[in-house]
Amino acid sequence: MTKLAYAMVFVSDMKRSIAFYRDLLGLPLKFESPGWTEFATEGTTLALHKASAPNADSDAARNPAGRCRLGLHVPSLDALHQKMTAHGVRCVQPPTMQDFGARLSIYADPDGLPITFAESR
């Protein structure tokens, strides 16, 4: 069976992005370098790769074809929302019950990448 090994996020500022993913989201740092950083996330690696160009379309509310989005589980969306807004992270969608029965929220990372969060069940 094929297994998802890693997801890669292209970033403009490695140090700023490491601080966001490690310090704010609490992802455990696995490897760090100026152009490539990895976080261990229970069976899959989240990798940050230094971008070669700025983000041309950083509208986090759009969902165009050909894009993907990270989705992370957290124990409490309300606690996450308080933490993210206290640190000035842009909230794209506050904690909201979806029609498919899950409660989700969306925040933009330092480069505008939308990340969806769901409460762990």
PDB file of N, CA and C in Angstrom:
ATOM      1  N   MET A   1       0.835  -1.174   0.000  1.00  0.00           N
ATOM      2  CA  MET A   1       0.000   0.000   0.000  1.00  0.00           C
ATOM      3  C   MET A   1       0.888   1.247   0.000  1.00  0.00           C
ATOM      4  N   THR A   2       0.490   2.248  -0.757  1.00  0.00           N
ATOM      5  CA  THR A   2       1.202   3.514  -0.798  1.00  0.00           C
ATOM      6  C   THR A   2       0.905   4.303   0.462  1.00  0.00           C
ATOM      7  N   LYS A   3       1.944   4.934   1.015  1.00  0.00           N
ATOM      8  CA  LYS A   3       1.806   5.706   2.252  1.00  0.00           C
ATOM      9  C   LYS A   3       2.267   7.137   2.007  1.00  0.00           C
ATOM     10  N   LEU A   4       1.520   8.089   2.513  1.00  0.00           N
ATOM     11  CA  LEU A   4       1.934   9.479   2.425  1.00  0.00           C
ATOM     12  C   LEU A   4       3.135   9.678   3.340  1.00  0.00           C
ATOM     13  N   ALA A   5       4.281  10.018   2.758  1.00  0.00           N
ATOM     14  CA  ALA A   5       5.516  10.155   3.527  1.00  0.00           C
ATOM     15  C   ALA A   5       5.688  11.557   4.091  1.00  0.00           C
ATOM     16  N   TYR A   6       5.363  12.579   3.292  1.00  0.00           N
ATOM     17  CA  TYR A   6       5.501  13.942   3.779  1.00  0.00           C
ATOM     18  C   TYR A   6       4.629  14.891   2.969  1.00  0.00           C
ATOM     19  N   ALA A   7       4.358  16.023   3.554  1.00  0.00           N
ATOM     20  CA  ALA A   7       3.723  17.151   2.879  1.00  0.00           C
ATOM     21  C   ALA A   7       4.727  18.289   2.945  1.00  0.00           C
ATOM     22  N   MET A   8       4.858  19.036   1.856  1.00  0.00           N
ATOM     23  CA  MET A   8       5.858  20.090   1.783  1.00  0.00           C
ATOM     24  C   MET A   8       5.179  21.452   1.673  1.00  0.00           C
ATOM     25  N   VAL A   9       5.656  22.404   2.445  1.00  0.00           N
ATOM     26  CA  VAL A   9       5.167  23.780   2.409  1.00  0.00           C
ATOM     27  C   VAL A   9       6.331  24.671   1.988  1.00  0.00           C
ATOM     28  N   PHE A  10       6.144  25.454   0.930  1.00  0.00           N
ATOM     29  CA  PHE A  10       7.170  26.393   0.490  1.00  0.00           C
ATOM     30  C   PHE A  10       7.013  27.682   1.287  1.00  0.00           C
ATOM     31  N   VAL A  11       8.104  28.151   1.878  1.00  0.00           N
ATOM     32  CA  VAL A  11       8.052  29.299   2.787  1.00  0.00           C
ATOM     33  C   VAL A  11       9.036  30.384   2.354  1.00  0.00           C
ATOM     34  N   SER A  12       8.705  31.631   2.683  1.00  0.00           N
ATOM     35  CA  SER A  12       9.588  32.744   2.316  1.00  0.00           C
ATOM     36  C   SER A  12      10.629  33.035   3.390  1.00  0.00           C
ATOM     37  N   ASP A  13      10.316  32.725   4.636  1.00  0.00           N
ATOM     38  CA  ASP A  13      11.211  33.016   5.755  1.00  0.00           C
ATOM     39  C   ASP A  13      11.255  31.788   6.665  1.00  0.00           C
ATOM     40  N   MET A  14      12.322  31.021   6.573  1.00  0.00           N
ATOM     41  CA  MET A  14      12.413  29.744   7.289  1.00  0.00           C
ATOM     42  C   MET A  14      12.299  29.935   8.801  1.00  0.00           C
ATOM     43  N   LYS A  15      13.032  30.879   9.357  1.00  0.00           N
ATOM     44  CA  LYS A  15      13.003  31.076  10.819  1.00  0.00           C
ATOM     45  C   LYS A  15      11.602  31.449  11.311  1.00  0.00           C
ATOM     46  N   ARG A  16      10.932  32.340  10.597  1.00  0.00           N
ATOM     47  CA  ARG A  16       9.575  32.747  10.969  1.00  0.00           C
ATOM     48  C   ARG A  16       8.616  31.560  10.886  1.00  0.00           C
ATOM     49  N   SER A  17       8.763  30.743   9.853  1.00  0.00           N
ATOM     50  CA  SER A  17       7.881  29.586   9.685  1.00  0.00           C
ATOM     51  C   SER A  17       8.170  28.505  10.718  1.00  0.00           C
ATOM     52  N   ILE A  18       9.442  28.301  11.053  1.00  0.00           N
ATOM     53  CA  ILE A  18       9.779  27.341  12.110  1.00  0.00           C
ATOM     54  C   ILE A  18       9.128  27.780  13.417  1.00  0.00           C
ATOM     55  N   ALA A  19       9.222  29.053  13.728  1.00  0.00           N
ATOM     56  CA  ALA A  19       8.607  29.561  14.960  1.00  0.00           C
ATOM     57  C   ALA A  19       7.102  29.317  14.958  1.00  0.00           C
ATOM     58  N   PHE A  20       6.450  29.502  13.826  1.00  0.00           N
ATOM     59  CA  PHE A  20       5.004  29.285  13.735  1.00  0.00           C
ATOM     60  C   PHE A  20       4.649  27.813  13.953  1.00  0.00           C
ATOM     61  N   TYR A  21       5.270  26.928  13.178  1.00  0.00           N
ATOM     62  CA  TYR A  21       4.912  25.505  13.234  1.00  0.00           C
ATOM     63  C   TYR A  21       5.400  24.820  14.514  1.00  0.00           C
ATOM     64  N   ARG A  22       6.576  25.194  14.997  1.00  0.00           N
ATOM     65  CA  ARG A  22       7.120  24.567  16.204  1.00  0.00           C
ATOM     66  C   ARG A  22       6.578  25.224  17.474  1.00  0.00           C
ATOM     67  N   ASP A  23       6.762  26.519  17.581  1.00  0.00           N
ATOM     68  CA  ASP A  23       6.453  27.205  18.837  1.00  0.00           C
ATOM     69  C   ASP A  23       4.963  27.465  19.036  1.00  0.00           C
ATOM     70  N   LEU A  24       4.261  27.808  17.974  1.00  0.00           N
ATOM     71  CA  LEU A  24       2.841  28.122  18.114  1.00  0.00           C
ATOM     72  C   LEU A  24       1.960  26.883  17.974  1.00  0.00           C
ATOM     73  N   LEU A  25       2.236  26.049  16.947  1.00  0.00           N
ATOM     74  CA  LEU A  25       1.418  24.849  16.745  1.00  0.00           C
ATOM     75  C   LEU A  25       1.908  23.653  17.547  1.00  0.00           C
ATOM     76  N   GLY A  26       3.159  23.695  18.013  1.00  0.00           N
ATOM     77  CA  GLY A  26       3.675  22.617  18.851  1.00  0.00           C
ATOM     78  C   GLY A  26       4.142  21.381  18.110  1.00  0.00           C
ATOM     79  N   LEU A  27       4.445  21.502  16.813  1.00  0.00           N
ATOM     80  CA  LEU A  27       4.939  20.341  16.069  1.00  0.00           C
ATOM     81  C   LEU A  27       6.393  20.069  16.449  1.00  0.00           C
ATOM     82  N   PRO A  28       6.747  18.799  16.702  1.00  0.00           N
ATOM     83  CA  PRO A  28       8.119  18.476  17.104  1.00  0.00           C
ATOM     84  C   PRO A  28       9.107  18.584  15.936  1.00  0.00           C
ATOM     85  N   LEU A  29      10.159  19.369  16.142  1.00  0.00           N
ATOM     86  CA  LEU A  29      11.192  19.565  15.130  1.00  0.00           C
ATOM     87  C   LEU A  29      12.009  18.290  14.978  1.00  0.00           C
ATOM     88  N   LYS A  30      12.166  17.858  13.728  1.00  0.00           N
ATOM     89  CA  LYS A  30      12.913  16.637  13.416  1.00  0.00           C
ATOM     90  C   LYS A  30      14.283  16.971  12.815  1.00  0.00           C
ATOM     91  N   PHE A  31      14.341  17.997  11.956  1.00  0.00           N
ATOM     92  CA  PHE A  31      15.571  18.389  11.264  1.00  0.00           C
ATOM     93  C   PHE A  31      15.431  19.852  10.863  1.00  0.00           C
ATOM     94  N   GLU A  32      16.550  20.601  10.938  1.00  0.00           N
ATOM     95  CA  GLU A  32      16.502  22.020  10.568  1.00  0.00           C
ATOM     96  C   GLU A  32      17.736  22.414   9.779  1.00  0.00           C
ATOM     97  N   SER A  33      17.523  23.133   8.677  1.00  0.00           N
ATOM     98  CA  SER A  33      18.605  23.732   7.902  1.00  0.00           C
ATOM     99  C   SER A  33      18.053  25.009   7.264  1.00  0.00           C
ATOM    100  N   PRO A  34      18.914  25.841   6.668  1.00  0.00           N
ATOM    101  CA  PRO A  34      18.420  27.091   6.077  1.00  0.00           C
ATOM    102  C   PRO A  34      17.415  26.894   4.937  1.00  0.00           C
ATOM    103  N   GLY A  35      17.519  25.788   4.209  1.00  0.00           N
ATOM    104  CA  GLY A  35      16.634  25.581   3.061  1.00  0.00           C
ATOM    105  C   GLY A  35      15.626  24.464   3.208  1.00  0.00           C
ATOM    106  N   TRP A  36      15.711  23.671   4.280  1.00  0.00           N
ATOM    107  CA  TRP A  36      14.825  22.512   4.450  1.00  0.00           C
ATOM    108  C   TRP A  36      14.694  22.209   5.933  1.00  0.00           C
ATOM    109  N   THR A  37      13.481  22.090   6.395  1.00  0.00           N
ATOM    110  CA  THR A  37      13.213  21.776   7.793  1.00  0.00           C
ATOM    111  C   THR A  37      12.109  20.736   7.850  1.00  0.00           C
ATOM    112  N   GLU A  38      12.191  19.814   8.798  1.00  0.00           N
ATOM    113  CA  GLU A  38      11.178  18.770   8.930  1.00  0.00           C
ATOM    114  C   GLU A  38      10.619  18.733  10.346  1.00  0.00           C
ATOM    115  N   PHE A  39       9.321  18.441  10.417  1.00  0.00           N
ATOM    116  CA  PHE A  39       8.628  18.215  11.678  1.00  0.00           C
ATOM    117  C   PHE A  39       8.046  16.815  11.651  1.00  0.00           C
ATOM    118  N   ALA A  40       8.136  16.095  12.762  1.00  0.00           N
ATOM    119  CA  ALA A  40       7.550  14.756  12.882  1.00  0.00           C
ATOM    120  C   ALA A  40       6.086  14.922  13.276  1.00  0.00           C
ATOM    121  N   THR A  41       5.200  14.277  12.538  1.00  0.00           N
ATOM    122  CA  THR A  41       3.766  14.406  12.814  1.00  0.00           C
ATOM    123  C   THR A  41       3.067  13.055  12.763  1.00  0.00           C
ATOM    124  N   GLU A  42       3.447  12.147  13.644  1.00  0.00           N
ATOM    125  CA  GLU A  42       2.823  10.828  13.782  1.00  0.00           C
ATOM    126  C   GLU A  42       2.648  10.087  12.453  1.00  0.00           C
ATOM    127  N   GLY A  43       3.742   9.665  11.867  1.00  0.00           N
ATOM    128  CA  GLY A  43       3.681   8.833  10.673  1.00  0.00           C
ATOM    129  C   GLY A  43       3.913   9.572   9.369  1.00  0.00           C
ATOM    130  N   THR A  44       3.822  10.881   9.378  1.00  0.00           N
ATOM    131  CA  THR A  44       4.050  11.695   8.193  1.00  0.00           C
ATOM    132  C   THR A  44       4.952  12.856   8.591  1.00  0.00           C
ATOM    133  N   THR A  45       5.800  13.274   7.681  1.00  0.00           N
ATOM    134  CA  THR A  45       6.679  14.408   7.938  1.00  0.00           C
ATOM    135  C   THR A  45       6.111  15.650   7.274  1.00  0.00           C
ATOM    136  N   LEU A  46       6.079  16.751   7.998  1.00  0.00           N
ATOM    137  CA  LEU A  46       5.758  18.044   7.412  1.00  0.00           C
ATOM    138  C   LEU A  46       7.090  18.723   7.141  1.00  0.00           C
ATOM    139  N   ALA A  47       7.355  19.037   5.879  1.00  0.00           N
ATOM    140  CA  ALA A  47       8.623  19.647   5.490  1.00  0.00           C
ATOM    141  C   ALA A  47       8.403  21.086   5.053  1.00  0.00           C
ATOM    142  N   LEU A  48       9.284  21.985   5.487  1.00  0.00           N
ATOM    143  CA  LEU A  48       9.306  23.361   5.010  1.00  0.00           C
ATOM    144  C   LEU A  48      10.458  23.479   4.025  1.00  0.00           C
ATOM    145  N   HIS A  49      10.192  24.054   2.858  1.00  0.00           N
ATOM    146  CA  HIS A  49      11.200  24.223   1.822  1.00  0.00           C
ATOM    147  C   HIS A  49      11.271  25.711   1.499  1.00  0.00           C
ATOM    148  N   LYS A  50      12.479  26.258   1.448  1.00  0.00           N
ATOM    149  CA  LYS A  50      12.640  27.674   1.127  1.00  0.00           C
ATOM    150  C   LYS A  50      12.111  27.929  -0.278  1.00  0.00           C
ATOM    151  N   ALA A  51      11.176  28.867  -0.414  1.00  0.00           N
ATOM    152  CA  ALA A  51      10.574  29.191  -1.707  1.00  0.00           C
ATOM    153  C   ALA A  51      11.556  29.978  -2.571  1.00  0.00           C
ATOM    154  N   SER A  52      11.447  29.793  -3.887  1.00  0.00           N
ATOM    155  CA  SER A  52      12.311  30.524  -4.808  1.00  0.00           C
ATOM    156  C   SER A  52      11.655  31.819  -5.284  1.00  0.00           C
ATOM    157  N   ALA A  53      10.358  31.995  -4.974  1.00  0.00           N
ATOM    158  CA  ALA A  53       9.632  33.202  -5.367  1.00  0.00           C
ATOM    159  C   ALA A  53       8.542  33.475  -4.340  1.00  0.00           C
ATOM    160  N   PRO A  54       8.106  34.730  -4.221  1.00  0.00           N
ATOM    161  CA  PRO A  54       7.030  35.037  -3.270  1.00  0.00           C
ATOM    162  C   PRO A  54       5.702  34.433  -3.710  1.00  0.00           C
ATOM    163  N   ASN A  55       4.784  34.347  -2.765  1.00  0.00           N
ATOM    164  CA  ASN A  55       3.459  33.812  -3.043  1.00  0.00           C
ATOM    165  C   ASN A  55       2.711  34.788  -3.938  1.00  0.00           C
ATOM    166  N   ALA A  56       2.342  34.341  -5.140  1.00  0.00           N
ATOM    167  CA  ALA A  56       1.662  35.208  -6.095  1.00  0.00           C
ATOM    168  C   ALA A  56       0.192  35.409  -5.742  1.00  0.00           C
ATOM    169  N   ASP A  57      -0.425  34.417  -5.111  1.00  0.00           N
ATOM    170  CA  ASP A  57      -1.847  34.497  -4.772  1.00  0.00           C
ATOM    171  C   ASP A  57      -2.021  33.974  -3.363  1.00  0.00           C
ATOM    172  N   SER A  58      -2.047  34.873  -2.402  1.00  0.00           N
ATOM    173  CA  SER A  58      -2.102  34.431  -1.010  1.00  0.00           C
ATOM    174  C   SER A  58      -3.494  34.560  -0.410  1.00  0.00           C
ATOM    175  N   ASP A  59      -4.539  34.539  -1.237  1.00  0.00           N
ATOM    176  CA  ASP A  59      -5.903  34.623  -0.727  1.00  0.00           C
ATOM    177  C   ASP A  59      -6.274  33.292  -0.097  1.00  0.00           C
ATOM    178  N   ALA A  60      -6.183  33.230   1.233  1.00  0.00           N
ATOM    179  CA  ALA A  60      -6.407  31.979   1.955  1.00  0.00           C
ATOM    180  C   ALA A  60      -7.854  31.522   1.919  1.00  0.00           C
ATOM    181  N   ALA A  61      -8.776  32.386   1.538  1.00  0.00           N
ATOM    182  CA  ALA A  61     -10.187  32.004   1.512  1.00  0.00           C
ATOM    183  C   ALA A  61     -10.556  31.263   0.230  1.00  0.00           C
ATOM    184  N   ARG A  62      -9.709  31.319  -0.773  1.00  0.00           N
ATOM    185  CA  ARG A  62     -10.014  30.661  -2.056  1.00  0.00           C
ATOM    186  C   ARG A  62      -9.573  29.207  -2.031  1.00  0.00           C
ATOM    187  N   ASN A  63     -10.258  28.391  -2.835  1.00  0.00           N
ATOM    188  CA  ASN A  63      -9.925  26.969  -2.962  1.00  0.00           C
ATOM    189  C   ASN A  63      -9.817  26.594  -4.438  1.00  0.00           C
ATOM    190  N   PRO A  64      -8.836  27.128  -5.171  1.00  0.00           N
ATOM    191  CA  PRO A  64      -8.735  26.810  -6.590  1.00  0.00           C
ATOM    192  C   PRO A  64      -8.245  25.382  -6.818  1.00  0.00           C
ATOM    193  N   ALA A  65      -8.591  24.846  -7.977  1.00  0.00           N
ATOM    194  CA  ALA A  65      -8.123  23.511  -8.356  1.00  0.00           C
ATOM    195  C   ALA A  65      -6.601  23.506  -8.413  1.00  0.00           C
ATOM    196  N   GLY A  66      -6.003  22.369  -8.098  1.00  0.00           N
ATOM    197  CA  GLY A  66      -4.557  22.226  -8.154  1.00  0.00           C
ATOM    198  C   GLY A  66      -3.844  22.613  -6.876  1.00  0.00           C
ATOM    199  N   ARG A  67      -4.589  22.966  -5.846  1.00  0.00           N
ATOM    200  CA  ARG A  67      -3.995  23.305  -4.552  1.00  0.00           C
ATOM    201  C   ARG A  67      -4.383  22.242  -3.539  1.00  0.00           C
ATOM    202  N   CYS A  68      -3.625  22.160  -2.488  1.00  0.00           N
ATOM    203  CA  CYS A  68      -3.996  21.273  -1.388  1.00  0.00           C
ATOM    204  C   CYS A  68      -3.889  22.062  -0.095  1.00  0.00           C
ATOM    205  N   ARG A  69      -4.418  21.495   0.982  1.00  0.00           N
ATOM    206  CA  ARG A  69      -4.419  22.191   2.263  1.00  0.00           C
ATOM    207  C   ARG A  69      -4.025  21.213   3.351  1.00  0.00           C
ATOM    208  N   LEU A  70      -3.250  21.695   4.305  1.00  0.00           N
ATOM    209  CA  LEU A  70      -2.914  20.894   5.476  1.00  0.00           C
ATOM    210  C   LEU A  70      -4.120  20.847   6.397  1.00  0.00           C
ATOM    211  N   GLY A  71      -4.320  19.716   7.035  1.00  0.00           N
ATOM    212  CA  GLY A  71      -5.371  19.564   8.030  1.00  0.00           C
ATOM    213  C   GLY A  71      -4.773  18.939   9.280  1.00  0.00           C
ATOM    214  N   LEU A  72      -4.964  19.577  10.421  1.00  0.00           N
ATOM    215  CA  LEU A  72      -4.405  19.094  11.678  1.00  0.00           C
ATOM    216  C   LEU A  72      -5.509  18.917  12.705  1.00  0.00           C
ATOM    217  N   HIS A  73      -5.378  17.893  13.545  1.00  0.00           N
ATOM    218  CA  HIS A  73      -6.306  17.681  14.655  1.00  0.00           C
ATOM    219  C   HIS A  73      -5.738  18.318  15.911  1.00  0.00           C
ATOM    220  N   VAL A  74      -6.611  18.957  16.678  1.00  0.00           N
ATOM    221  CA  VAL A  74      -6.241  19.556  17.961  1.00  0.00           C
ATOM    222  C   VAL A  74      -7.275  19.141  19.002  1.00  0.00           C
ATOM    223  N   PRO A  75      -6.903  19.134  20.286  1.00  0.00           N
ATOM    224  CA  PRO A  75      -7.852  18.736  21.328  1.00  0.00           C
ATOM    225  C   PRO A  75      -9.028  19.705  21.469  1.00  0.00           C
ATOM    226  N   SER A  76      -8.782  21.016  21.254  1.00  0.00           N
ATOM    227  CA  SER A  76      -9.836  22.016  21.451  1.00  0.00           C
ATOM    228  C   SER A  76      -9.687  23.157  20.449  1.00  0.00           C
ATOM    229  N   LEU A  77     -10.691  23.336  19.593  1.00  0.00           N
ATOM    230  CA  LEU A  77     -10.658  24.455  18.653  1.00  0.00           C
ATOM    231  C   LEU A  77     -10.787  25.796  19.374  1.00  0.00           C
ATOM    232  N   ASP A  78     -11.556  25.819  20.451  1.00  0.00           N
ATOM    233  CA  ASP A  78     -11.725  27.074  21.184  1.00  0.00           C
ATOM    234  C   ASP A  78     -10.403  27.532  21.799  1.00  0.00           C
ATOM    235  N   ALA A  79      -9.656  26.602  22.395  1.00  0.00           N
ATOM    236  CA  ALA A  79      -8.347  26.940  22.968  1.00  0.00           C
ATOM    237  C   ALA A  79      -7.380  27.366  21.863  1.00  0.00           C
ATOM    238  N   LEU A  80      -7.401  26.656  20.733  1.00  0.00           N
ATOM    239  CA  LEU A  80      -6.540  27.022  19.606  1.00  0.00           C
ATOM    240  C   LEU A  80      -6.896  28.422  19.112  1.00  0.00           C
ATOM    241  N   HIS A  81      -8.177  28.705  18.977  1.00  0.00           N
ATOM    242  CA  HIS A  81      -8.620  30.013  18.481  1.00  0.00           C
ATOM    243  C   HIS A  81      -8.110  31.134  19.392  1.00  0.00           C
ATOM    244  N   GLN A  82      -8.216  30.947  20.678  1.00  0.00           N
ATOM    245  CA  GLN A  82      -7.716  31.952  21.623  1.00  0.00           C
ATOM    246  C   GLN A  82      -6.209  32.153  21.466  1.00  0.00           C
ATOM    247  N   LYS A  83      -5.475  31.049  21.350  1.00  0.00           N
ATOM    248  CA  LYS A  83      -4.014  31.119  21.224  1.00  0.00           C
ATOM    249  C   LYS A  83      -3.610  31.802  19.917  1.00  0.00           C
ATOM    250  N   MET A  84      -4.236  31.390  18.814  1.00  0.00           N
ATOM    251  CA  MET A  84      -3.865  31.932  17.504  1.00  0.00           C
ATOM    252  C   MET A  84      -4.182  33.425  17.426  1.00  0.00           C
ATOM    253  N   THR A  85      -5.364  33.823  17.860  1.00  0.00           N
ATOM    254  CA  THR A  85      -5.722  35.241  17.784  1.00  0.00           C
ATOM    255  C   THR A  85      -4.872  36.077  18.744  1.00  0.00           C
ATOM    256  N   ALA A  86      -4.520  35.522  19.900  1.00  0.00           N
ATOM    257  CA  ALA A  86      -3.650  36.238  20.843  1.00  0.00           C
ATOM    258  C   ALA A  86      -2.267  36.489  20.248  1.00  0.00           C
ATOM    259  N   HIS A  87      -1.830  35.607  19.326  1.00  0.00           N
ATOM    260  CA  HIS A  87      -0.522  35.757  18.681  1.00  0.00           C
ATOM    261  C   HIS A  87      -0.629  36.474  17.332  1.00  0.00           C
ATOM    262  N   GLY A  88      -1.806  37.013  17.023  1.00  0.00           N
ATOM    263  CA  GLY A  88      -1.976  37.790  15.799  1.00  0.00           C
ATOM    264  C   GLY A  88      -2.061  36.976  14.529  1.00  0.00           C
ATOM    265  N   VAL A  89      -2.338  35.675  14.630  1.00  0.00           N
ATOM    266  CA  VAL A  89      -2.469  34.828  13.443  1.00  0.00           C
ATOM    267  C   VAL A  89      -3.818  35.125  12.787  1.00  0.00           C
ATOM    268  N   ARG A  90      -3.809  35.294  11.468  1.00  0.00           N
ATOM    269  CA  ARG A  90      -5.045  35.619  10.744  1.00  0.00           C
ATOM    270  C   ARG A  90      -6.002  34.435  10.741  1.00  0.00           C
ATOM    271  N   CYS A  91      -7.209  34.681  11.220  1.00  0.00           N
ATOM    272  CA  CYS A  91      -8.257  33.663  11.230  1.00  0.00           C
ATOM    273  C   CYS A  91      -9.058  33.796   9.940  1.00  0.00           C
ATOM    274  N   VAL A  92      -9.048  32.740   9.122  1.00  0.00           N
ATOM    275  CA  VAL A  92      -9.808  32.718   7.875  1.00  0.00           C
ATOM    276  C   VAL A  92     -11.243  32.289   8.164  1.00  0.00           C
ATOM    277  N   GLN A  93     -11.391  31.321   9.061  1.00  0.00           N
ATOM    278  CA  GLN A  93     -12.714  30.834   9.474  1.00  0.00           C
ATOM    279  C   GLN A  93     -12.651  30.461  10.945  1.00  0.00           C
ATOM    280  N   PRO A  94     -13.443  31.101  11.795  1.00  0.00           N
ATOM    281  CA  PRO A  94     -13.451  30.727  13.212  1.00  0.00           C
ATOM    282  C   PRO A  94     -14.058  29.339  13.385  1.00  0.00           C
ATOM    283  N   PRO A  95     -13.928  28.736  14.558  1.00  0.00           N
ATOM    284  CA  PRO A  95     -14.514  27.412  14.776  1.00  0.00           C
ATOM    285  C   PRO A  95     -15.995  27.394  14.371  1.00  0.00           C
ATOM    286  N   THR A  96     -16.302  26.515  13.408  1.00  0.00           N
ATOM    287  CA  THR A  96     -17.642  26.448  12.824  1.00  0.00           C
ATOM    288  C   THR A  96     -18.031  24.996  12.597  1.00  0.00           C
ATOM    289  N   MET A  97     -19.265  24.649  12.953  1.00  0.00           N
ATOM    290  CA  MET A  97     -19.781  23.307  12.678  1.00  0.00           C
ATOM    291  C   MET A  97     -20.079  23.210  11.180  1.00  0.00           C
ATOM    292  N   GLN A  98     -19.570  22.155  10.556  1.00  0.00           N
ATOM    293  CA  GLN A  98     -19.771  21.943   9.128  1.00  0.00           C
ATOM    294  C   GLN A  98     -20.983  21.045   8.895  1.00  0.00           C
ATOM    295  N   ASP A  99     -21.537  21.081   7.688  1.00  0.00           N
ATOM    296  CA  ASP A  99     -22.716  20.269   7.391  1.00  0.00           C
ATOM    297  C   ASP A  99     -22.417  18.773   7.379  1.00  0.00           C
ATOM    298  N   PHE A 100     -21.144  18.393   7.345  1.00  0.00           N
ATOM    299  CA  PHE A 100     -20.786  16.969   7.379  1.00  0.00           C
ATOM    300  C   PHE A 100     -20.472  16.495   8.795  1.00  0.00           C
ATOM    301  N   GLY A 101     -20.756  17.335   9.799  1.00  0.00           N
ATOM    302  CA  GLY A 101     -20.680  16.907  11.188  1.00  0.00           C
ATOM    303  C   GLY A 101     -19.389  17.176  11.928  1.00  0.00           C
ATOM    304  N   ALA A 102     -18.437  17.817  11.293  1.00  0.00           N
ATOM    305  CA  ALA A 102     -17.168  18.127  11.960  1.00  0.00           C
ATOM    306  C   ALA A 102     -17.101  19.626  12.249  1.00  0.00           C
ATOM    307  N   ARG A 103     -16.443  19.968  13.322  1.00  0.00           N
ATOM    308  CA  ARG A 103     -16.213  21.369  13.674  1.00  0.00           C
ATOM    309  C   ARG A 103     -14.801  21.726  13.222  1.00  0.00           C
ATOM    310  N   LEU A 104     -14.676  22.767  12.394  1.00  0.00           N
ATOM    311  CA  LEU A 104     -13.400  23.151  11.796  1.00  0.00           C
ATOM    312  C   LEU A 104     -13.125  24.631  11.994  1.00  0.00           C
ATOM    313  N   SER A 105     -11.842  24.978  11.938  1.00  0.00           N
ATOM    314  CA  SER A 105     -11.423  26.376  11.849  1.00  0.00           C
ATOM    315  C   SER A 105     -10.233  26.439  10.900  1.00  0.00           C
ATOM    316  N   ILE A 106     -10.002  27.612  10.332  1.00  0.00           N
ATOM    317  CA  ILE A 106      -8.919  27.782   9.361  1.00  0.00           C
ATOM    318  C   ILE A 106      -8.130  29.038   9.724  1.00  0.00           C
ATOM    319  N   TYR A 107      -6.805  28.897   9.729  1.00  0.00           N
ATOM    320  CA  TYR A 107      -5.901  30.015  10.014  1.00  0.00           C
ATOM    321  C   TYR A 107      -4.840  30.055   8.923  1.00  0.00           C
ATOM    322  N   ALA A 108      -4.286  31.240   8.679  1.00  0.00           N
ATOM    323  CA  ALA A 108      -3.244  31.400   7.670  1.00  0.00           C
ATOM    324  C   ALA A 108      -1.871  31.346   8.337  1.00  0.00           C
ATOM    325  N   ASP A 109      -0.952  30.594   7.723  1.00  0.00           N
ATOM    326  CA  ASP A 109       0.418  30.549   8.242  1.00  0.00           C
ATOM    327  C   ASP A 109       1.125  31.856   7.871  1.00  0.00           C
ATOM    328  N   PRO A 110       2.394  32.051   8.242  1.00  0.00           N
ATOM    329  CA  PRO A 110       3.064  33.330   7.972  1.00  0.00           C
ATOM    330  C   PRO A 110       3.114  33.737   6.495  1.00  0.00           C
ATOM    331  N   ASP A 111       3.031  32.761   5.573  1.00  0.00           N
ATOM    332  CA  ASP A 111       3.032  33.081   4.144  1.00  0.00           C
ATOM    333  C   ASP A 111       1.629  33.099   3.552  1.00  0.00           C
ATOM    334  N   GLY A 112       0.600  32.969   4.389  1.00  0.00           N
ATOM    335  CA  GLY A 112      -0.776  33.011   3.904  1.00  0.00           C
ATOM    336  C   GLY A 112      -1.380  31.661   3.571  1.00  0.00           C
ATOM    337  N   LEU A 113      -0.622  30.574   3.768  1.00  0.00           N
ATOM    338  CA  LEU A 113      -1.149  29.239   3.484  1.00  0.00           C
ATOM    339  C   LEU A 113      -2.257  28.908   4.478  1.00  0.00           C
ATOM    340  N   PRO A 114      -3.454  28.563   3.997  1.00  0.00           N
ATOM    341  CA  PRO A 114      -4.518  28.195   4.928  1.00  0.00           C
ATOM    342  C   PRO A 114      -4.281  26.806   5.511  1.00  0.00           C
ATOM    343  N   ILE A 115      -4.472  26.682   6.811  1.00  0.00           N
ATOM    344  CA  ILE A 115      -4.362  25.395   7.497  1.00  0.00           C
ATOM    345  C   ILE A 115      -5.688  25.149   8.193  1.00  0.00           C
ATOM    346  N   THR A 116      -6.286  23.988   7.916  1.00  0.00           N
ATOM    347  CA  THR A 116      -7.561  23.630   8.529  1.00  0.00           C
ATOM    348  C   THR A 116      -7.297  22.836   9.796  1.00  0.00           C
ATOM    349  N   PHE A 117      -8.015  23.165  10.850  1.00  0.00           N
ATOM    350  CA  PHE A 117      -7.913  22.467  12.129  1.00  0.00           C
ATOM    351  C   PHE A 117      -9.265  21.864  12.472  1.00  0.00           C
ATOM    352  N   ALA A 118      -9.237  20.645  12.993  1.00  0.00           N
ATOM    353  CA  ALA A 118     -10.447  19.964  13.453  1.00  0.00           C
ATOM    354  C   ALA A 118     -10.210  19.478  14.868  1.00  0.00           C
ATOM    355  N   GLU A 119     -11.274  19.379  15.637  1.00  0.00           N
ATOM    356  CA  GLU A 119     -11.146  18.832  16.986  1.00  0.00           C
ATOM    357  C   GLU A 119     -10.969  17.328  16.903  1.00  0.00           C
ATOM    358  N   SER A 120     -10.026  16.797  17.669  1.00  0.00           N
ATOM    359  CA  SER A 120      -9.816  15.348  17.734  1.00  0.00           C
ATOM    360  C   SER A 120     -11.044  14.713  18.355  1.00  0.00           C
ATOM    361  N   ARG A 121     -11.407  13.576  17.815  1.00  0.00           N
ATOM    362  CA  ARG A 121     -12.577  12.867  18.356  1.00  0.00           C
ATOM    363  C   ARG A 121     -12.138  11.740  19.232  1.00  0.00           C
TER     364      ARG A 121
END
